[in-house]
N, C-alpha and C. Protein backbone atom coordinates (compact mmCIF):
# COMPACT_ATOMS: atom_id res chain seq x y z
N UNK A 1 117.15 119.48 90.03
CA UNK A 1 116.39 119.07 91.17
C UNK A 1 114.94 119.18 90.85
N UNK A 2 114.13 118.19 91.24
CA UNK A 2 112.70 118.19 90.99
C UNK A 2 111.93 118.26 92.32
N UNK A 3 110.96 119.11 92.37
CA UNK A 3 110.15 119.30 93.56
C UNK A 3 109.04 118.26 93.55
N UNK A 4 108.88 117.49 94.57
CA UNK A 4 107.80 116.54 94.70
C UNK A 4 106.84 117.01 95.73
N UNK A 5 105.58 117.07 95.43
CA UNK A 5 104.56 117.48 96.39
C UNK A 5 103.62 116.34 96.67
N UNK A 6 103.35 116.08 97.93
CA UNK A 6 102.44 115.03 98.31
C UNK A 6 101.34 115.65 99.15
N UNK A 7 100.12 115.38 98.91
CA UNK A 7 99.04 115.89 99.69
C UNK A 7 99.08 115.30 101.12
N UNK A 8 98.78 116.10 102.12
CA UNK A 8 98.81 115.61 103.54
C UNK A 8 97.69 114.60 103.70
N UNK A 9 97.94 113.56 104.48
CA UNK A 9 96.92 112.59 104.86
C UNK A 9 96.74 112.72 106.35
N UNK A 10 95.73 112.05 106.88
CA UNK A 10 95.49 112.08 108.28
C UNK A 10 96.68 111.61 109.08
N UNK A 11 97.37 110.58 108.60
CA UNK A 11 98.52 110.07 109.36
C UNK A 11 99.62 111.09 109.46
N UNK A 12 99.86 111.91 108.44
CA UNK A 12 100.83 112.98 108.49
C UNK A 12 100.41 114.04 109.47
N UNK A 13 99.14 114.36 109.47
CA UNK A 13 98.63 115.38 110.41
C UNK A 13 98.80 114.90 111.85
N UNK A 14 98.66 113.62 112.06
CA UNK A 14 98.78 113.03 113.36
C UNK A 14 100.28 113.19 113.86
N UNK A 15 101.21 112.99 112.92
CA UNK A 15 102.61 113.09 113.33
C UNK A 15 102.94 114.54 113.63
N UNK A 16 102.57 115.47 112.77
CA UNK A 16 102.93 116.86 112.97
C UNK A 16 102.04 117.62 113.94
N UNK A 17 100.80 117.09 114.22
CA UNK A 17 99.89 117.83 115.05
C UNK A 17 99.90 117.40 116.50
N UNK A 18 100.67 116.38 116.84
CA UNK A 18 100.70 115.89 118.21
C UNK A 18 101.64 116.74 119.04
N UNK A 19 101.19 117.17 120.19
CA UNK A 19 102.06 117.94 121.07
C UNK A 19 103.19 117.03 121.61
N UNK A 20 104.42 117.49 121.49
CA UNK A 20 105.59 116.77 121.96
C UNK A 20 105.83 117.25 123.41
N UNK A 21 106.13 116.32 124.29
CA UNK A 21 106.33 116.60 125.71
C UNK A 21 107.76 116.23 126.12
N UNK A 22 108.29 117.00 127.06
CA UNK A 22 109.68 116.69 127.57
C UNK A 22 109.57 115.33 128.30
N UNK A 23 110.59 114.52 128.07
CA UNK A 23 110.63 113.21 128.71
C UNK A 23 110.98 113.33 130.16
N UNK A 24 111.54 114.43 130.60
CA UNK A 24 111.96 114.61 131.99
C UNK A 24 110.83 115.22 132.87
N UNK A 25 110.34 116.37 132.42
CA UNK A 25 109.35 117.13 133.24
C UNK A 25 107.95 117.15 132.68
N UNK A 26 107.72 116.76 131.41
CA UNK A 26 106.43 116.69 130.81
C UNK A 26 105.95 118.03 130.19
N UNK A 27 106.78 119.05 130.25
CA UNK A 27 106.42 120.35 129.67
C UNK A 27 106.28 120.19 128.12
N UNK A 28 105.40 120.98 127.54
CA UNK A 28 105.25 120.90 126.08
C UNK A 28 106.40 121.58 125.35
N UNK A 29 106.87 120.89 124.30
CA UNK A 29 107.98 121.43 123.48
C UNK A 29 107.29 122.04 122.24
N UNK A 30 107.63 123.33 121.94
CA UNK A 30 106.91 124.04 120.87
C UNK A 30 107.64 123.88 119.55
N UNK A 31 108.93 124.14 119.49
CA UNK A 31 109.67 124.15 118.25
C UNK A 31 111.05 123.54 118.48
N UNK A 32 111.56 122.84 117.52
CA UNK A 32 112.90 122.30 117.66
C UNK A 32 113.98 123.38 117.65
N UNK A 33 115.07 123.09 118.30
CA UNK A 33 116.26 124.05 118.30
C UNK A 33 116.89 123.99 116.93
N UNK A 34 116.95 122.85 116.34
CA UNK A 34 117.54 122.65 115.03
C UNK A 34 116.93 121.46 114.34
N UNK A 35 116.99 121.46 113.01
CA UNK A 35 116.44 120.38 112.22
C UNK A 35 117.45 120.09 111.06
N UNK A 36 117.50 118.85 110.64
CA UNK A 36 118.43 118.50 109.53
C UNK A 36 117.82 117.42 108.66
N UNK A 37 118.08 117.45 107.40
CA UNK A 37 117.72 116.39 106.48
C UNK A 37 118.91 115.47 106.35
N UNK A 38 118.72 114.18 106.57
CA UNK A 38 119.79 113.23 106.55
C UNK A 38 119.68 112.41 105.27
N UNK A 39 120.74 112.10 104.52
CA UNK A 39 120.66 111.28 103.35
C UNK A 39 119.92 109.95 103.71
N UNK A 40 119.09 109.55 102.84
CA UNK A 40 118.30 108.32 103.08
C UNK A 40 116.85 108.65 103.40
N UNK A 41 116.52 109.93 103.36
CA UNK A 41 115.15 110.32 103.55
C UNK A 41 114.66 110.45 104.98
N UNK A 42 115.52 110.99 105.84
CA UNK A 42 115.16 111.14 107.26
C UNK A 42 115.31 112.58 107.63
N UNK A 43 114.36 113.11 108.41
CA UNK A 43 114.43 114.42 108.96
C UNK A 43 114.62 114.28 110.46
N UNK A 44 115.60 114.90 111.07
CA UNK A 44 115.85 114.88 112.51
C UNK A 44 115.54 116.27 113.09
N UNK A 45 114.84 116.24 114.21
CA UNK A 45 114.58 117.49 114.99
C UNK A 45 115.24 117.35 116.28
N UNK A 46 115.98 118.41 116.72
CA UNK A 46 116.67 118.42 118.02
C UNK A 46 115.91 119.40 118.94
N UNK A 47 115.58 118.94 120.11
CA UNK A 47 114.72 119.70 121.05
C UNK A 47 115.52 120.01 122.35
N UNK A 48 115.15 121.13 122.99
CA UNK A 48 115.62 121.43 124.30
C UNK A 48 114.46 122.01 125.15
N UNK A 49 114.21 121.48 126.26
CA UNK A 49 113.11 121.89 127.09
C UNK A 49 113.45 123.24 127.73
N UNK A 50 112.50 124.20 127.62
CA UNK A 50 112.74 125.50 128.19
C UNK A 50 112.66 125.43 129.75
N UNK A 51 111.91 124.48 130.31
CA UNK A 51 111.79 124.39 131.74
C UNK A 51 112.97 123.75 132.45
N UNK A 52 113.42 122.62 131.95
CA UNK A 52 114.46 121.84 132.68
C UNK A 52 115.72 121.69 131.93
N UNK A 53 115.77 122.09 130.64
CA UNK A 53 117.02 121.97 129.84
C UNK A 53 117.33 120.65 129.25
N UNK A 54 116.48 119.60 129.42
CA UNK A 54 116.68 118.30 128.83
C UNK A 54 116.67 118.37 127.33
N UNK A 55 117.65 117.69 126.67
CA UNK A 55 117.70 117.69 125.24
C UNK A 55 117.24 116.33 124.72
N UNK A 56 116.64 116.29 123.53
CA UNK A 56 116.22 115.07 122.87
C UNK A 56 116.17 115.25 121.40
N UNK A 57 115.96 114.16 120.71
CA UNK A 57 115.96 114.15 119.25
C UNK A 57 114.75 113.29 118.75
N UNK A 58 114.10 113.75 117.73
CA UNK A 58 113.03 112.93 117.09
C UNK A 58 113.43 112.84 115.61
N UNK A 59 112.95 111.79 114.95
CA UNK A 59 113.22 111.67 113.52
C UNK A 59 111.95 111.26 112.76
N UNK A 60 111.87 111.66 111.52
CA UNK A 60 110.72 111.27 110.68
C UNK A 60 111.30 110.65 109.40
N UNK A 61 110.83 109.44 109.06
CA UNK A 61 111.29 108.80 107.84
C UNK A 61 110.41 109.22 106.71
N UNK A 62 110.90 110.17 105.94
CA UNK A 62 110.14 110.77 104.81
C UNK A 62 109.79 109.76 103.77
N UNK A 63 110.68 108.88 103.45
CA UNK A 63 110.48 107.84 102.43
C UNK A 63 109.28 106.98 102.77
N UNK A 64 109.18 106.54 104.01
CA UNK A 64 108.03 105.68 104.39
C UNK A 64 106.72 106.47 104.35
N UNK A 65 106.78 107.77 104.72
CA UNK A 65 105.56 108.61 104.57
C UNK A 65 105.14 108.76 103.12
N UNK A 66 106.10 108.91 102.26
CA UNK A 66 105.80 109.04 100.83
C UNK A 66 105.18 107.78 100.25
N UNK A 67 105.75 106.63 100.67
CA UNK A 67 105.15 105.37 100.21
C UNK A 67 103.77 105.16 100.76
N UNK A 68 103.54 105.57 101.99
CA UNK A 68 102.22 105.49 102.61
C UNK A 68 101.20 106.36 101.83
N UNK A 69 101.67 107.49 101.36
CA UNK A 69 100.81 108.41 100.56
C UNK A 69 100.38 107.77 99.29
N UNK A 70 101.29 107.04 98.65
CA UNK A 70 100.98 106.47 97.31
C UNK A 70 100.12 105.21 97.45
N UNK A 71 100.09 104.64 98.60
CA UNK A 71 99.35 103.34 98.79
C UNK A 71 97.86 103.52 98.83
């Protein structure tokens, strides 16, 4: 296995630095309940709102971020 390191760009900071809000009550979500790496270069984060209990999922396409870094 080979470790690949890519320097952060402004677009990556925008993705990871934006506060995520509950779709039901608007409360800020701090950290995912679980995360997983899916074959094909996708990271999924599973969220649960502490205020209302609503669950949701977000995904990040790592391959497209890596290509954006190289461009």
